[in-house]
N, C-alpha and C. Protein backbone atom coordinates (compact mmCIF):
# COMPACT_ATOMS: atom_id res chain seq x y z
N MET A 1 0.84 -1.16 0.00
CA MET A 1 0.00 0.00 0.00
C MET A 1 0.89 1.22 0.00
N ARG A 2 0.49 2.19 -0.78
CA ARG A 2 1.28 3.40 -0.84
C ARG A 2 0.93 4.31 0.31
N GLU A 3 1.94 4.97 0.81
CA GLU A 3 1.77 5.80 1.98
C GLU A 3 1.00 7.08 1.67
N ASP A 4 1.22 7.70 0.53
CA ASP A 4 0.56 8.97 0.22
C ASP A 4 -0.94 8.79 0.01
N THR A 5 -1.40 7.65 -0.47
CA THR A 5 -2.83 7.42 -0.66
C THR A 5 -3.50 7.18 0.67
N ALA A 6 -2.86 6.49 1.58
CA ALA A 6 -3.46 6.19 2.87
C ALA A 6 -3.64 7.45 3.70
N GLN A 7 -2.76 8.43 3.55
CA GLN A 7 -2.87 9.65 4.35
C GLN A 7 -3.78 10.68 3.70
N SER A 8 -3.90 10.69 2.40
CA SER A 8 -4.64 11.73 1.72
C SER A 8 -6.15 11.49 1.70
N SER A 9 -6.62 10.27 1.70
CA SER A 9 -8.05 10.03 1.60
C SER A 9 -8.60 9.56 2.95
N PRO A 10 -9.75 10.09 3.34
CA PRO A 10 -10.36 9.66 4.59
C PRO A 10 -10.90 8.25 4.43
N PRO A 11 -11.02 7.54 5.54
CA PRO A 11 -11.55 6.17 5.44
C PRO A 11 -13.01 6.22 4.99
N THR A 12 -13.35 5.38 4.04
CA THR A 12 -14.72 5.33 3.53
C THR A 12 -15.17 3.88 3.48
N ALA A 13 -16.50 3.74 3.45
CA ALA A 13 -17.06 2.40 3.34
C ALA A 13 -17.05 1.99 1.87
N THR A 14 -16.43 0.88 1.59
CA THR A 14 -16.38 0.41 0.20
C THR A 14 -17.17 -0.88 0.09
N ASP A 15 -17.69 -1.13 -1.08
CA ASP A 15 -18.39 -2.38 -1.30
C ASP A 15 -17.40 -3.44 -1.77
N ALA A 16 -17.88 -4.59 -2.21
CA ALA A 16 -17.01 -5.70 -2.61
C ALA A 16 -16.14 -5.36 -3.82
N SER A 17 -16.59 -4.49 -4.67
CA SER A 17 -15.81 -4.14 -5.86
C SER A 17 -14.76 -3.08 -5.57
N GLY A 18 -14.77 -2.52 -4.36
CA GLY A 18 -13.80 -1.50 -4.01
C GLY A 18 -14.29 -0.09 -4.30
N GLU A 19 -15.49 0.04 -4.81
CA GLU A 19 -16.07 1.34 -5.11
C GLU A 19 -16.81 1.87 -3.87
N VAL A 20 -16.83 3.19 -3.73
CA VAL A 20 -17.59 3.82 -2.64
C VAL A 20 -19.01 4.03 -3.12
N PRO A 21 -20.01 3.51 -2.37
CA PRO A 21 -21.40 3.72 -2.80
C PRO A 21 -21.77 5.20 -2.73
N PRO A 22 -22.67 5.64 -3.55
CA PRO A 22 -23.02 7.07 -3.59
C PRO A 22 -23.58 7.59 -2.26
N TRP A 23 -24.29 6.78 -1.52
CA TRP A 23 -24.87 7.24 -0.27
C TRP A 23 -23.82 7.43 0.82
N ALA A 24 -22.64 6.81 0.67
CA ALA A 24 -21.59 6.93 1.69
C ALA A 24 -20.53 7.96 1.31
N ALA A 25 -20.61 8.50 0.13
CA ALA A 25 -19.59 9.46 -0.31
C ALA A 25 -19.78 10.79 0.41
N PHE A 26 -18.67 11.40 0.77
CA PHE A 26 -18.69 12.70 1.45
C PHE A 26 -18.92 13.79 0.42
N SER A 27 -19.78 14.73 0.81
CA SER A 27 -19.98 15.90 -0.05
C SER A 27 -20.12 17.13 0.86
N PRO A 28 -19.78 18.30 0.37
CA PRO A 28 -19.92 19.50 1.20
C PRO A 28 -21.37 19.74 1.63
N ALA A 29 -22.33 19.41 0.79
CA ALA A 29 -23.74 19.60 1.16
C ALA A 29 -24.11 18.70 2.34
N ARG A 30 -23.57 17.51 2.34
CA ARG A 30 -23.86 16.58 3.44
C ARG A 30 -23.25 17.08 4.74
N GLY A 31 -22.05 17.64 4.68
CA GLY A 31 -21.41 18.20 5.87
C GLY A 31 -22.20 19.37 6.44
N ARG A 32 -22.72 20.24 5.54
CA ARG A 32 -23.55 21.36 6.01
C ARG A 32 -24.82 20.86 6.67
N PHE A 33 -25.42 19.84 6.10
CA PHE A 33 -26.65 19.28 6.67
C PHE A 33 -26.40 18.72 8.07
N VAL A 34 -25.31 17.99 8.25
CA VAL A 34 -24.99 17.41 9.56
C VAL A 34 -24.76 18.53 10.57
N ARG A 35 -24.01 19.56 10.18
CA ARG A 35 -23.79 20.69 11.10
C ARG A 35 -25.12 21.37 11.46
N PHE A 36 -25.99 21.54 10.47
CA PHE A 36 -27.29 22.16 10.73
C PHE A 36 -28.10 21.33 11.73
N VAL A 37 -28.12 20.03 11.57
CA VAL A 37 -28.89 19.17 12.46
C VAL A 37 -28.33 19.25 13.88
N VAL A 38 -27.02 19.26 14.05
CA VAL A 38 -26.42 19.35 15.39
C VAL A 38 -26.76 20.70 16.02
N VAL A 39 -26.59 21.80 15.29
CA VAL A 39 -26.89 23.13 15.83
C VAL A 39 -28.38 23.24 16.15
N PHE A 40 -29.24 22.73 15.29
CA PHE A 40 -30.68 22.75 15.54
C PHE A 40 -31.03 21.97 16.80
N SER A 41 -30.42 20.81 17.00
CA SER A 41 -30.69 20.00 18.19
C SER A 41 -30.28 20.73 19.47
N VAL A 42 -29.12 21.36 19.46
CA VAL A 42 -28.66 22.12 20.63
C VAL A 42 -29.61 23.30 20.89
N ALA A 43 -29.99 24.02 19.85
CA ALA A 43 -30.90 25.16 20.01
C ALA A 43 -32.26 24.71 20.53
N LEU A 44 -32.77 23.61 20.03
CA LEU A 44 -34.05 23.08 20.48
C LEU A 44 -33.99 22.68 21.95
N THR A 45 -32.89 22.07 22.38
CA THR A 45 -32.72 21.69 23.79
C THR A 45 -32.67 22.92 24.68
N LEU A 46 -31.93 23.95 24.27
CA LEU A 46 -31.87 25.19 25.06
C LEU A 46 -33.23 25.88 25.12
N LEU A 47 -33.96 25.90 24.02
CA LEU A 47 -35.28 26.51 24.00
C LEU A 47 -36.25 25.75 24.90
N ALA A 48 -36.22 24.44 24.88
CA ALA A 48 -37.10 23.64 25.75
C ALA A 48 -36.76 23.87 27.22
N SER A 49 -35.48 23.92 27.56
CA SER A 49 -35.08 24.18 28.94
C SER A 49 -35.52 25.57 29.39
N ALA A 50 -35.35 26.56 28.54
CA ALA A 50 -35.78 27.92 28.88
C ALA A 50 -37.29 28.00 29.05
N SER A 51 -38.02 27.29 28.23
CA SER A 51 -39.49 27.27 28.35
C SER A 51 -39.93 26.64 29.67
N ILE A 52 -39.30 25.56 30.05
CA ILE A 52 -39.63 24.91 31.32
C ILE A 52 -39.31 25.83 32.49
N PHE A 53 -38.16 26.50 32.46
CA PHE A 53 -37.79 27.42 33.54
C PHE A 53 -38.77 28.59 33.61
N TRP A 54 -39.13 29.17 32.45
CA TRP A 54 -40.04 30.31 32.44
C TRP A 54 -41.39 29.91 33.03
N ARG A 55 -41.88 28.75 32.67
CA ARG A 55 -43.17 28.28 33.19
C ARG A 55 -43.08 28.07 34.70
N TRP A 56 -42.01 27.49 35.17
CA TRP A 56 -41.82 27.25 36.61
C TRP A 56 -41.77 28.57 37.37
N ALA A 57 -41.10 29.56 36.80
CA ALA A 57 -40.92 30.84 37.50
C ALA A 57 -42.18 31.70 37.49
N ASN A 58 -43.08 31.50 36.55
CA ASN A 58 -44.23 32.40 36.40
C ASN A 58 -45.58 31.81 36.75
N VAL A 59 -45.65 30.56 37.13
CA VAL A 59 -46.93 29.96 37.51
C VAL A 59 -47.05 30.02 39.02
N TYR A 60 -48.14 30.59 39.49
CA TYR A 60 -48.39 30.76 40.91
C TYR A 60 -49.35 29.67 41.35
N GLU A 61 -48.85 28.70 42.09
CA GLU A 61 -49.67 27.57 42.52
C GLU A 61 -49.96 27.64 44.00
N PRO A 62 -51.08 27.06 44.44
CA PRO A 62 -51.38 27.05 45.87
C PRO A 62 -50.30 26.30 46.65
N SER A 63 -49.92 26.85 47.79
CA SER A 63 -48.88 26.20 48.58
C SER A 63 -49.35 25.86 49.99
N SER A 64 -50.60 26.12 50.31
CA SER A 64 -51.16 25.81 51.63
C SER A 64 -52.43 25.01 51.43
N TYR A 65 -52.93 24.42 52.51
CA TYR A 65 -54.17 23.67 52.39
C TYR A 65 -54.93 23.64 53.70
N VAL A 66 -56.22 23.36 53.57
CA VAL A 66 -57.09 23.12 54.71
C VAL A 66 -57.64 21.71 54.54
N ALA A 67 -57.48 20.89 55.56
CA ALA A 67 -58.02 19.53 55.54
C ALA A 67 -59.26 19.49 56.41
N VAL A 68 -60.32 18.89 55.91
CA VAL A 68 -61.57 18.78 56.65
C VAL A 68 -61.87 17.31 56.83
N TYR A 69 -62.10 16.90 58.08
CA TYR A 69 -62.37 15.50 58.42
C TYR A 69 -63.78 15.39 59.00
N GLY A 70 -64.48 14.32 58.66
CA GLY A 70 -65.81 14.06 59.20
C GLY A 70 -66.02 12.57 59.32
N ASN A 71 -67.28 12.16 59.44
CA ASN A 71 -67.63 10.74 59.45
C ASN A 71 -68.98 10.58 58.74
N GLU A 72 -69.60 9.39 58.85
CA GLU A 72 -70.83 9.11 58.12
C GLU A 72 -71.95 10.09 58.46
N SER A 73 -71.97 10.60 59.68
CA SER A 73 -73.05 11.51 60.06
C SER A 73 -72.92 12.87 59.37
N PHE A 74 -71.80 13.14 58.73
CA PHE A 74 -71.59 14.41 58.02
C PHE A 74 -71.66 14.23 56.51
N ASN A 75 -72.32 13.18 56.04
CA ASN A 75 -72.46 12.92 54.61
C ASN A 75 -73.21 14.08 53.96
N GLY A 76 -72.64 14.67 52.93
CA GLY A 76 -73.27 15.78 52.23
C GLY A 76 -72.91 17.15 52.78
N THR A 77 -72.04 17.20 53.77
CA THR A 77 -71.62 18.49 54.33
C THR A 77 -70.87 19.29 53.27
N GLN A 78 -71.28 20.54 53.10
CA GLN A 78 -70.63 21.41 52.12
C GLN A 78 -69.66 22.33 52.84
N ILE A 79 -68.45 22.38 52.34
CA ILE A 79 -67.42 23.25 52.89
C ILE A 79 -67.18 24.34 51.87
N ILE A 80 -67.31 25.60 52.32
CA ILE A 80 -67.07 26.74 51.44
C ILE A 80 -65.99 27.60 52.10
N ILE A 81 -64.96 27.91 51.34
CA ILE A 81 -63.87 28.74 51.83
C ILE A 81 -63.85 30.01 51.00
N ARG A 82 -64.02 31.14 51.71
CA ARG A 82 -64.09 32.44 51.04
C ARG A 82 -62.91 33.32 51.45
N SER A 83 -62.50 34.16 50.50
CA SER A 83 -61.42 35.10 50.76
C SER A 83 -61.68 36.35 49.93
N PRO A 84 -61.34 37.52 50.47
CA PRO A 84 -61.50 38.72 49.65
C PRO A 84 -60.46 38.82 48.53
N ASP A 85 -59.36 38.11 48.67
CA ASP A 85 -58.26 38.21 47.70
C ASP A 85 -58.20 37.08 46.69
N HIS A 86 -58.86 35.96 46.97
CA HIS A 86 -58.75 34.77 46.11
C HIS A 86 -60.15 34.25 45.79
N PRO A 87 -60.29 33.45 44.75
CA PRO A 87 -61.60 32.89 44.42
C PRO A 87 -62.07 31.90 45.49
N ASP A 88 -63.38 31.73 45.58
CA ASP A 88 -63.96 30.80 46.56
C ASP A 88 -63.59 29.37 46.21
N ALA A 89 -63.49 28.55 47.24
CA ALA A 89 -63.22 27.12 47.05
C ALA A 89 -64.34 26.36 47.73
N MET A 90 -64.72 25.21 47.15
CA MET A 90 -65.83 24.43 47.68
C MET A 90 -65.51 22.95 47.63
N ALA A 91 -66.02 22.22 48.62
CA ALA A 91 -65.88 20.76 48.63
C ALA A 91 -67.07 20.18 49.37
N THR A 92 -67.33 18.89 49.15
CA THR A 92 -68.43 18.20 49.81
C THR A 92 -67.89 16.89 50.39
N LEU A 93 -68.29 16.58 51.62
CA LEU A 93 -67.90 15.32 52.24
C LEU A 93 -68.85 14.22 51.78
N THR A 94 -68.30 13.17 51.18
CA THR A 94 -69.08 12.06 50.65
C THR A 94 -68.38 10.74 50.97
N PRO A 95 -69.09 9.62 50.80
CA PRO A 95 -68.41 8.33 50.99
C PRO A 95 -67.26 8.11 50.00
N GLU A 96 -67.34 8.73 48.81
CA GLU A 96 -66.28 8.56 47.80
C GLU A 96 -64.95 9.15 48.28
N ASN A 97 -64.99 10.22 49.07
CA ASN A 97 -63.74 10.80 49.58
C ASN A 97 -63.51 10.44 51.05
N ASN A 98 -64.22 9.41 51.53
CA ASN A 98 -64.09 8.92 52.91
C ASN A 98 -64.32 10.02 53.94
N TYR A 99 -65.22 10.93 53.62
CA TYR A 99 -65.61 12.02 54.53
C TYR A 99 -64.41 12.86 54.96
N ALA A 100 -63.46 13.01 54.07
CA ALA A 100 -62.28 13.84 54.32
C ALA A 100 -61.88 14.48 53.00
N THR A 101 -61.45 15.72 53.08
CA THR A 101 -61.04 16.41 51.87
C THR A 101 -59.95 17.42 52.19
N ALA A 102 -59.13 17.69 51.22
CA ALA A 102 -58.09 18.72 51.34
C ALA A 102 -58.36 19.76 50.26
N ILE A 103 -58.34 21.03 50.67
CA ILE A 103 -58.58 22.13 49.75
C ILE A 103 -57.30 22.95 49.70
N PHE A 104 -56.69 23.00 48.54
CA PHE A 104 -55.42 23.72 48.37
C PHE A 104 -55.69 25.20 48.12
N LEU A 105 -54.93 26.05 48.83
CA LEU A 105 -55.17 27.49 48.81
C LEU A 105 -53.87 28.26 48.69
N HIS A 106 -53.99 29.49 48.24
CA HIS A 106 -52.87 30.42 48.24
C HIS A 106 -52.74 31.00 49.65
N PRO A 107 -51.56 31.43 50.05
CA PRO A 107 -51.44 32.07 51.36
C PRO A 107 -52.36 33.29 51.45
N GLY A 108 -52.98 33.46 52.61
CA GLY A 108 -53.88 34.60 52.79
C GLY A 108 -54.85 34.35 53.92
N SER A 109 -55.85 35.21 54.03
CA SER A 109 -56.87 35.07 55.08
C SER A 109 -58.14 34.51 54.47
N TYR A 110 -58.79 33.61 55.20
CA TYR A 110 -59.95 32.89 54.69
C TYR A 110 -61.01 32.76 55.78
N THR A 111 -62.26 32.61 55.35
CA THR A 111 -63.35 32.24 56.24
C THR A 111 -63.86 30.90 55.75
N ILE A 112 -63.83 29.91 56.63
CA ILE A 112 -64.29 28.57 56.27
C ILE A 112 -65.65 28.34 56.91
N THR A 113 -66.60 27.85 56.10
CA THR A 113 -67.95 27.58 56.57
C THR A 113 -68.31 26.16 56.17
N ALA A 114 -68.76 25.37 57.13
CA ALA A 114 -69.24 24.01 56.86
C ALA A 114 -70.72 23.97 57.22
N THR A 115 -71.56 23.55 56.27
CA THR A 115 -73.01 23.45 56.50
C THR A 115 -73.51 22.08 56.12
N LEU A 116 -74.47 21.61 56.90
CA LEU A 116 -75.13 20.33 56.62
C LEU A 116 -76.62 20.59 56.61
N ASN A 117 -77.27 20.36 55.49
CA ASN A 117 -78.70 20.60 55.31
C ASN A 117 -79.08 22.03 55.67
N GLY A 118 -78.24 22.98 55.29
CA GLY A 118 -78.53 24.39 55.53
C GLY A 118 -78.20 24.86 56.93
N GLN A 119 -77.80 23.96 57.81
CA GLN A 119 -77.47 24.33 59.19
C GLN A 119 -75.96 24.48 59.33
N PRO A 120 -75.48 25.63 59.81
CA PRO A 120 -74.03 25.82 59.92
C PRO A 120 -73.43 24.95 61.02
N LEU A 121 -72.34 24.29 60.68
CA LEU A 121 -71.62 23.47 61.65
C LEU A 121 -70.39 24.21 62.17
N VAL A 122 -69.66 24.84 61.26
CA VAL A 122 -68.44 25.56 61.62
C VAL A 122 -68.37 26.82 60.78
N GLU A 123 -67.99 27.92 61.40
CA GLU A 123 -67.65 29.14 60.69
C GLU A 123 -66.44 29.71 61.40
N GLN A 124 -65.32 29.69 60.71
CA GLN A 124 -64.04 30.03 61.35
C GLN A 124 -63.20 30.89 60.42
N PHE A 125 -62.56 31.88 60.98
CA PHE A 125 -61.62 32.72 60.24
C PHE A 125 -60.23 32.15 60.46
N LEU A 126 -59.43 32.07 59.42
CA LEU A 126 -58.07 31.58 59.57
C LEU A 126 -57.14 32.28 58.60
N VAL A 127 -55.89 32.34 58.98
CA VAL A 127 -54.85 32.93 58.15
C VAL A 127 -53.83 31.83 57.85
N LEU A 128 -53.56 31.62 56.57
CA LEU A 128 -52.60 30.60 56.15
C LEU A 128 -51.38 31.28 55.56
N GLY A 129 -50.22 30.85 56.01
CA GLY A 129 -48.96 31.33 55.45
C GLY A 129 -48.50 30.40 54.35
N HIS A 130 -47.37 30.71 53.77
CA HIS A 130 -46.78 29.89 52.72
C HIS A 130 -46.37 28.53 53.29
N ARG A 131 -46.81 27.46 52.65
CA ARG A 131 -46.50 26.08 53.03
C ARG A 131 -46.99 25.76 54.43
N LYS A 132 -48.15 26.26 54.81
CA LYS A 132 -48.77 25.97 56.10
C LYS A 132 -50.08 25.25 55.86
N ALA A 133 -50.57 24.60 56.91
CA ALA A 133 -51.81 23.85 56.81
C ALA A 133 -52.67 24.10 58.03
N ALA A 134 -53.95 23.88 57.87
CA ALA A 134 -54.90 23.93 58.98
C ALA A 134 -55.88 22.79 58.76
N TRP A 135 -56.55 22.37 59.81
CA TRP A 135 -57.53 21.32 59.63
C TRP A 135 -58.76 21.60 60.46
N VAL A 136 -59.87 21.03 60.02
CA VAL A 136 -61.15 21.12 60.70
C VAL A 136 -61.62 19.70 60.91
N ASN A 137 -61.82 19.33 62.16
CA ASN A 137 -62.31 17.99 62.49
C ASN A 137 -63.76 18.13 62.91
N LEU A 138 -64.68 17.79 62.02
CA LEU A 138 -66.10 17.89 62.32
C LEU A 138 -66.57 16.79 63.27
N SER A 139 -65.83 15.71 63.36
CA SER A 139 -66.22 14.58 64.20
C SER A 139 -66.03 14.86 65.69
N SER A 140 -65.15 15.77 66.02
CA SER A 140 -64.93 16.06 67.44
C SER A 140 -66.08 16.92 67.95
N LYS A 141 -66.32 16.88 69.23
CA LYS A 141 -67.42 17.65 69.82
C LYS A 141 -67.16 19.13 69.72
N ARG A 142 -65.94 19.54 69.82
CA ARG A 142 -65.62 20.96 69.69
C ARG A 142 -65.09 21.20 68.28
N GLY A 143 -65.82 21.95 67.51
CA GLY A 143 -65.41 22.25 66.15
C GLY A 143 -64.35 23.33 66.15
N GLY A 144 -63.88 23.68 65.00
CA GLY A 144 -62.89 24.75 64.89
C GLY A 144 -61.69 24.29 64.11
N THR A 145 -60.73 25.14 64.08
CA THR A 145 -59.52 24.82 63.33
C THR A 145 -58.32 24.95 64.23
N ALA A 146 -57.27 24.32 63.86
CA ALA A 146 -56.00 24.44 64.57
C ALA A 146 -54.89 24.27 63.56
N ALA A 147 -53.87 25.05 63.71
CA ALA A 147 -52.71 24.91 62.83
C ALA A 147 -51.78 23.87 63.43
N PRO A 148 -51.33 22.88 62.67
CA PRO A 148 -50.49 21.82 63.23
C PRO A 148 -49.21 22.34 63.88
N GLU A 149 -48.67 23.44 63.34
CA GLU A 149 -47.41 23.94 63.89
C GLU A 149 -47.60 24.52 65.29
N ARG A 150 -48.81 24.96 65.62
CA ARG A 150 -49.04 25.60 66.90
C ARG A 150 -49.74 24.69 67.90
N ALA A 151 -50.02 23.47 67.53
CA ALA A 151 -50.74 22.57 68.42
C ALA A 151 -49.94 22.29 69.68
N GLN A 152 -48.66 22.11 69.58
CA GLN A 152 -47.81 21.85 70.74
C GLN A 152 -46.63 22.80 70.69
N LYS A 153 -46.83 23.95 71.27
CA LYS A 153 -45.75 24.94 71.26
C LYS A 153 -44.86 24.68 72.47
N VAL A 154 -43.60 24.50 72.23
CA VAL A 154 -42.63 24.24 73.29
C VAL A 154 -41.71 25.44 73.38
N GLU A 155 -41.60 25.98 74.59
CA GLU A 155 -40.70 27.11 74.80
C GLU A 155 -39.26 26.62 74.73
N PRO A 156 -38.38 27.33 74.06
CA PRO A 156 -36.98 26.91 74.01
C PRO A 156 -36.33 27.11 75.38
N PRO A 157 -35.43 26.23 75.76
CA PRO A 157 -34.77 26.37 77.06
C PRO A 157 -33.90 27.63 77.08
N ALA A 158 -33.67 28.12 78.28
CA ALA A 158 -32.85 29.32 78.43
C ALA A 158 -31.44 29.01 77.97
N PRO A 159 -30.79 29.96 77.30
CA PRO A 159 -29.42 29.69 76.82
C PRO A 159 -28.46 29.56 78.00
N SER A 160 -27.59 28.61 77.88
CA SER A 160 -26.56 28.41 78.91
C SER A 160 -25.20 28.51 78.24
N ALA A 161 -24.17 28.50 79.04
CA ALA A 161 -22.82 28.62 78.49
C ALA A 161 -22.49 27.44 77.59
N ALA A 162 -22.92 26.24 77.98
CA ALA A 162 -22.62 25.05 77.18
C ALA A 162 -23.35 25.09 75.84
N ARG A 163 -24.58 25.62 75.84
CA ARG A 163 -25.34 25.67 74.59
C ARG A 163 -24.86 26.80 73.69
N ALA A 164 -24.27 27.80 74.26
CA ALA A 164 -23.79 28.92 73.46
C ALA A 164 -22.44 28.63 72.81
N GLY A 165 -21.90 27.43 73.05
CA GLY A 165 -20.63 27.06 72.43
C GLY A 165 -19.43 27.37 73.29
N VAL A 166 -19.63 27.72 74.56
CA VAL A 166 -18.54 28.02 75.46
C VAL A 166 -18.30 26.80 76.34
N ASP A 167 -17.07 26.40 76.44
CA ASP A 167 -16.72 25.24 77.27
C ASP A 167 -16.74 25.67 78.73
N PRO A 168 -17.59 25.03 79.60
CA PRO A 168 -17.66 25.42 81.02
C PRO A 168 -16.35 25.23 81.75
N SER A 169 -15.51 24.31 81.33
CA SER A 169 -14.24 24.10 82.04
C SER A 169 -13.30 25.28 81.83
N VAL A 170 -13.43 25.99 80.71
CA VAL A 170 -12.60 27.16 80.46
C VAL A 170 -12.99 28.27 81.42
N ASP A 171 -14.31 28.46 81.65
CA ASP A 171 -14.76 29.48 82.58
C ASP A 171 -14.35 29.15 84.01
N ALA A 172 -14.37 27.86 84.38
CA ALA A 172 -13.99 27.46 85.74
C ALA A 172 -12.50 27.69 85.99
N ALA A 173 -11.69 27.57 84.96
CA ALA A 173 -10.25 27.73 85.12
C ALA A 173 -9.87 29.20 85.28
N ARG A 174 -10.72 30.10 84.83
CA ARG A 174 -10.39 31.53 84.90
C ARG A 174 -10.56 32.07 86.26
């Protein structure tokens, strides 16, 4: 094999006769097409990523909720949640939802009303913060709402030298 031929021509697929088939031959038009497809694929990927980010950054979704619990005696209870800043939300306790429902809301102030056959069971004002929850247990004798974070408030212990990061043996040596 001659050395100058091996270095000057790129490797190509040859058939049994030693000829290069037309579909495998390199041409400048084919090179431009391949570059276009690669650039188009990269641009399409960047555009899709930007679209997903824009949608994530601009969609305002509810981040809080109110859970309402009942039992068979509260079948058909209508829960209406009203707010001056947000649209009303409504739910009904039925056997299909096991007499429990969660209503997702935006942070804000709300008035929750639960009625059964036109008779009010609960009417409560509540304020929900971002990523907070409240619940209404209709099955308990005392109705109302409670925020889970405030159900058991524990006072933090008074700061001491050991908790503040000071070694007590250093103070004793002084």
